Each structure stands twice: as structure tokens, then as C-alpha cells.
Amino acid sequence: MHPKFFIFGDSHAGTLMRAARTLSLEFAGGSIMAGMYLNDTFCAVDSGHLRMLTKMGRERLAYRLGNDGLGPNLLDIDMPFLCTVGFNTTNFCGNFQNDGLTILGAPGGRLISRGCFEAVALASRAGALGFYRALLEAGKTVHAVLSPQRFSAQQKVVCRAFETVMMRRLGALGVGIVDVRAQTTDEHGVLRPEFASSRDHVHANDAFGAAVFEKYFAMLEEH
């Protein structure tokens, strides 16, 4: 019997919600806002209460909490957390390349050092990092899921470098990383078609979600 858990995330959390329902898993929460709204600082903690900073964020979180019969404070929830915030990998890569930047091994742009790249990556996800710190300081068990690897060959070096930076920082904070790349990608490191959503070129499908849950529950047992 798997424990009930709380999903908090961007649109990629929708994949996890659908897969969880298909697998008859007991969970709460779900998608809160699009990833672009969860990169910069989006929440604050006041007297032990997590407060979303935007009207949309407050309404969406309140809906998720109320729909599951939970109280108004996310930090009072006694469940492990499974989150998709902090990656949104192709979004980062697109913005990075649109700014005319690149790193060694990637095409085009103005070359910056790995140290500079790391600073850029971490600054771009300051809000997500703050959110994870809030959960961990409240004593929660927290895991983060990497984005589905749906990127082009030209994006691969930047996407993988970004994820390496985020995984290292989140791991140092105490966040468990649910990494199913070995199970879901091809020899080029790209998401295999059987795990990809047929509705768009960004998201994954229920099979991907099932792979995530298999890894996630194994990690919870080891925690």
C-alpha cells in the first residue's frame, strides 16, 4: 500500500495527476500554475504559514487544498511532497538561447563559463529553490521530478547542463531527485515516443508518470 502524497507543480504535474488516477493512487494537490510563474519568487512564509504572492497563486493553491479537504496552510500537511517545480527545462534553454548565450559544446551564441552558467541557472529558479527550502525547513519529505526530456539535439547540451546544476543544488538542500531518464529516453538522451504526450511537444504521458511513481515509491521506502 503506497502512502498518500501531495503533488505540487506546473503543467507537468498534470501528467502525474492523470497517471496517479489511472493507477488508483491516493494523492492530493496537483498543478498550481504554469512553470513560468514558478521560476521567480512565488511564495513566502509568515509565522509558519506559506503564502502565495499572486492572486492566481493563492486561488489555485486554495482550490487544491479545499478540493482535498485540507486546511489553508500547505506547511501543515502531513504527507510527502512530489514536485515538478525547479526544472521546466526546455523553458530555461529557450530563454538562455534567446538571450544569445551558449556554453562549451553547444552551438551558437556568446560563450560563457560554466561558473557563470551555474549562476544564471540558479538565479532563474530562485523561486523554486525558496519553495523547496520552505518545505524542508518545515520538516517535510520532498522529492522533485525532472522534466520530460523533450528537446532537440541542439538543445541537449544546455538542457543537460541546466539539470545537472539544479540536481546538485536541490540534492544539497535535501530534496530527493526522481530521475527516470535511464528508463524513458533513447540512445540520444531524448524522451522515447512511447512516453511522450501526443497532444504537444513538451509534456509526457501516463506511461512516463507510471515510471516516475515506480521510482518515487522506491525512494520513499529507502527514506
Protein backbone atom coordinates (compact mmCIF):
# COMPACT_ATOMS: atom_id res chain seq x y z
CA MET A 1 0.00 0.00 0.00
CA HIS A 2 1.56 3.28 -1.09
CA PRO A 3 1.35 6.35 1.15
CA LYS A 4 -0.84 9.29 0.23
CA PHE A 5 1.27 12.12 -1.19
CA PHE A 6 0.88 15.73 -2.27
CA ILE A 7 1.65 16.86 -5.83
CA PHE A 8 2.74 20.47 -6.28
CA GLY A 9 3.80 21.71 -9.65
CA ASP A 10 3.45 23.26 -13.04
CA SER A 11 1.75 21.77 -16.11
CA HIS A 12 3.97 18.68 -15.86
CA ALA A 13 2.16 17.88 -12.62
CA GLY A 14 -0.92 17.30 -14.76
CA THR A 15 0.78 14.23 -16.21
CA LEU A 16 1.40 12.91 -12.71
CA MET A 17 -2.21 13.57 -11.70
CA ARG A 18 -3.59 11.65 -14.66
CA ALA A 19 -1.20 8.76 -14.16
CA ALA A 20 -1.98 8.62 -10.43
CA ARG A 21 -5.70 8.38 -11.16
CA THR A 22 -5.12 5.65 -13.74
CA LEU A 23 -3.08 3.72 -11.17
CA SER A 24 -5.66 4.38 -8.40
CA LEU A 25 -3.07 6.09 -6.22
CA GLU A 26 -4.19 8.22 -3.30
CA PHE A 27 -2.89 11.76 -3.65
CA ALA A 28 -3.74 15.41 -3.07
CA GLY A 29 -2.74 18.64 -4.82
CA GLY A 30 -1.79 18.90 -8.46
CA SER A 31 -0.91 21.59 -10.99
CA ILE A 32 -0.84 25.03 -9.39
CA MET A 33 0.42 27.41 -12.09
CA ALA A 34 2.33 27.32 -15.37
CA GLY A 35 6.06 26.89 -14.93
CA MET A 36 6.86 30.46 -15.97
CA TYR A 37 5.02 31.67 -12.85
CA LEU A 38 7.00 29.36 -10.56
CA ASN A 39 10.53 30.41 -11.54
CA ASP A 40 10.83 33.73 -9.73
CA THR A 41 9.86 34.08 -6.06
CA PHE A 42 6.22 32.99 -5.83
CA CYS A 43 5.71 32.33 -2.12
CA ALA A 44 6.74 33.50 1.33
CA VAL A 45 6.50 32.06 4.83
CA ASP A 46 4.92 34.23 7.53
CA SER A 47 4.70 32.83 11.07
CA GLY A 48 4.82 29.29 9.78
CA HIS A 49 2.21 29.85 7.07
CA LEU A 50 3.12 29.53 3.38
CA ARG A 51 1.57 32.36 1.40
CA MET A 52 1.45 32.57 -2.38
CA LEU A 53 2.38 36.05 -3.59
CA THR A 54 -0.02 36.41 -6.50
CA LYS A 55 -3.80 36.34 -6.60
CA MET A 56 -3.69 33.50 -9.10
CA GLY A 57 -1.33 31.51 -6.92
CA ARG A 58 -3.46 31.98 -3.81
CA GLU A 59 -6.63 30.98 -5.65
CA ARG A 60 -5.10 27.92 -7.31
CA LEU A 61 -3.49 26.61 -4.13
CA ALA A 62 -6.62 27.27 -2.10
CA TYR A 63 -8.63 25.32 -4.68
CA ARG A 64 -6.30 22.34 -4.50
CA LEU A 65 -6.26 22.34 -0.69
CA GLY A 66 -10.00 22.82 -0.36
CA ASN A 67 -10.80 20.23 -3.01
CA ASP A 68 -8.89 17.66 -0.96
CA GLY A 69 -10.42 18.70 2.37
CA LEU A 70 -7.15 20.11 3.68
CA GLY A 71 -6.52 23.19 5.79
CA PRO A 72 -5.35 26.51 4.34
CA ASN A 73 -1.65 26.15 5.18
CA LEU A 74 0.44 23.95 2.88
CA LEU A 75 3.05 23.58 5.62
CA ASP A 76 0.54 21.86 7.92
CA ILE A 77 0.09 18.97 5.51
CA ASP A 78 1.44 15.68 6.85
CA MET A 79 2.30 13.99 3.57
CA PRO A 80 5.41 13.54 1.44
CA PHE A 81 5.65 16.04 -1.42
CA LEU A 82 6.27 15.24 -5.08
CA CYS A 83 7.03 18.40 -7.05
CA THR A 84 7.74 19.39 -10.64
CA VAL A 85 8.89 22.97 -9.97
CA GLY A 86 12.52 23.93 -10.40
CA PHE A 87 13.16 22.34 -13.77
CA ASN A 88 10.88 23.36 -16.67
CA THR A 89 14.00 22.56 -18.63
CA THR A 90 13.11 23.48 -22.19
CA ASN A 91 11.79 26.83 -20.92
CA PHE A 92 15.20 27.60 -19.45
CA CYS A 93 17.01 26.50 -22.59
CA GLY A 94 14.79 28.60 -24.84
CA ASN A 95 15.29 31.72 -22.73
CA PHE A 96 19.04 31.09 -22.49
CA GLN A 97 19.41 30.77 -26.24
CA ASN A 98 17.10 33.72 -26.90
CA ASP A 99 19.47 35.81 -24.78
CA GLY A 100 22.22 34.90 -27.24
CA LEU A 101 24.24 32.79 -24.80
CA THR A 102 25.86 29.39 -25.04
CA ILE A 103 28.24 27.07 -23.22
CA LEU A 104 31.08 24.86 -24.37
CA GLY A 105 29.76 22.07 -26.56
CA ALA A 106 26.54 23.83 -27.54
CA PRO A 107 26.05 25.71 -30.82
CA GLY A 108 25.85 29.47 -31.40
CA GLY A 109 25.68 32.43 -29.06
CA ARG A 110 28.14 34.21 -26.78
CA LEU A 111 30.18 31.66 -24.84
CA ILE A 112 30.02 31.92 -21.04
CA SER A 113 31.92 29.93 -18.43
CA ARG A 114 30.42 27.02 -16.52
CA GLY A 115 30.59 29.08 -13.34
CA CYS A 116 28.64 31.89 -14.96
CA PHE A 117 26.19 29.37 -16.38
CA GLU A 118 25.57 27.90 -12.94
CA ALA A 119 24.87 31.36 -11.51
CA VAL A 120 22.43 32.08 -14.34
CA ALA A 121 20.65 28.75 -13.89
CA LEU A 122 20.24 29.11 -10.13
CA ALA A 123 19.07 32.72 -10.40
CA SER A 124 16.48 31.68 -12.98
CA ARG A 125 14.91 29.27 -10.48
CA ALA A 126 15.23 31.34 -7.30
CA GLY A 127 11.52 30.99 -6.57
CA ALA A 128 11.57 27.22 -6.82
CA LEU A 129 14.63 26.98 -4.59
CA GLY A 130 12.94 29.19 -2.00
CA PHE A 131 9.84 27.00 -2.11
CA TYR A 132 11.86 23.84 -1.52
CA ARG A 133 13.70 25.45 1.39
CA ALA A 134 10.36 26.35 2.97
CA LEU A 135 9.13 22.76 2.74
CA LEU A 136 12.35 21.31 4.08
CA GLU A 137 12.56 23.80 6.96
CA ALA A 138 9.03 22.71 7.89
CA GLY A 139 10.30 19.13 8.16
CA LYS A 140 8.68 17.75 5.01
CA THR A 141 9.89 14.86 2.90
CA VAL A 142 10.34 16.35 -0.56
CA HIS A 143 11.12 14.90 -3.97
CA ALA A 144 11.42 16.68 -7.31
CA VAL A 145 10.81 15.22 -10.77
CA LEU A 146 12.94 16.14 -13.76
CA SER A 147 11.09 17.45 -16.80
CA PRO A 148 10.46 15.01 -19.66
CA GLN A 149 13.49 15.07 -21.96
CA ARG A 150 11.69 16.57 -24.97
CA PHE A 151 14.34 18.74 -26.56
CA SER A 152 16.22 18.93 -29.84
CA ALA A 153 19.77 17.81 -30.46
CA GLN A 154 20.82 21.48 -30.47
CA GLN A 155 19.32 21.97 -27.01
CA LYS A 156 20.68 18.83 -25.38
CA VAL A 157 23.96 20.20 -24.01
CA VAL A 158 22.32 23.23 -22.39
CA CYS A 159 19.36 21.24 -21.07
CA ARG A 160 21.54 18.58 -19.50
CA ALA A 161 23.92 21.16 -18.01
CA PHE A 162 20.97 23.04 -16.50
CA GLU A 163 19.54 19.89 -14.97
CA THR A 164 22.92 18.94 -13.54
CA VAL A 165 23.14 22.32 -11.80
CA MET A 166 19.61 22.05 -10.40
CA MET A 167 20.01 18.44 -9.29
CA ARG A 168 23.22 19.27 -7.46
CA ARG A 169 21.72 22.27 -5.65
CA LEU A 170 18.42 20.54 -4.78
CA GLY A 171 20.28 17.46 -3.60
CA ALA A 172 22.44 19.63 -1.35
CA LEU A 173 19.29 21.13 0.16
CA GLY A 174 17.90 17.67 0.92
CA VAL A 175 15.45 17.20 -1.96
CA GLY A 176 15.30 13.72 -3.45
CA ILE A 177 15.58 13.70 -7.25
CA VAL A 178 13.26 11.36 -9.13
CA ASP A 179 15.29 10.73 -12.27
CA VAL A 180 13.75 8.33 -14.81
CA ARG A 181 15.90 9.33 -17.77
CA ALA A 182 17.50 5.89 -17.96
CA GLN A 183 14.08 4.26 -18.24
CA THR A 184 12.41 6.74 -20.60
CA THR A 185 15.00 8.12 -23.04
CA ASP A 186 16.66 6.79 -26.18
CA GLU A 187 20.35 6.50 -27.06
CA HIS A 188 20.43 10.25 -27.75
CA GLY A 189 19.01 11.15 -24.33
CA VAL A 190 15.64 12.23 -25.75
CA LEU A 191 12.27 11.03 -24.43
CA ARG A 192 11.14 7.90 -26.28
CA PRO A 193 7.88 8.20 -28.26
CA GLU A 194 6.03 5.74 -26.03
CA PHE A 195 6.48 8.12 -23.07
CA ALA A 196 5.61 11.33 -24.95
CA SER A 197 2.25 13.08 -25.00
CA SER A 198 0.60 13.05 -28.41
CA ARG A 199 -1.09 16.39 -27.69
CA ASP A 200 2.00 18.62 -27.75
CA HIS A 201 5.80 18.65 -27.99
CA VAL A 202 6.54 19.42 -24.33
CA HIS A 203 4.74 17.04 -22.00
CA ALA A 204 4.88 13.32 -21.27
CA ASN A 205 2.09 10.76 -20.91
CA ASP A 206 0.70 8.32 -18.37
CA ALA A 207 3.43 5.76 -19.06
CA PHE A 208 6.01 8.37 -18.06
CA GLY A 209 4.00 9.11 -14.92
CA ALA A 210 3.92 5.40 -14.06
CA ALA A 211 7.72 5.24 -14.38
CA VAL A 212 8.02 8.26 -12.09
CA PHE A 213 5.80 6.68 -9.45
CA GLU A 214 7.67 3.39 -9.53
CA LYS A 215 10.92 5.24 -8.84
CA TYR A 216 9.31 7.65 -6.35
CA PHE A 217 7.80 4.97 -4.13
CA ALA A 218 11.04 3.01 -4.14
CA MET A 219 12.83 6.15 -2.97
CA LEU A 220 10.23 6.75 -0.24
CA GLU A 221 10.78 3.23 1.07
CA GLU A 222 14.51 3.93 1.32
CA HIS A 223 13.99 7.31 3.03
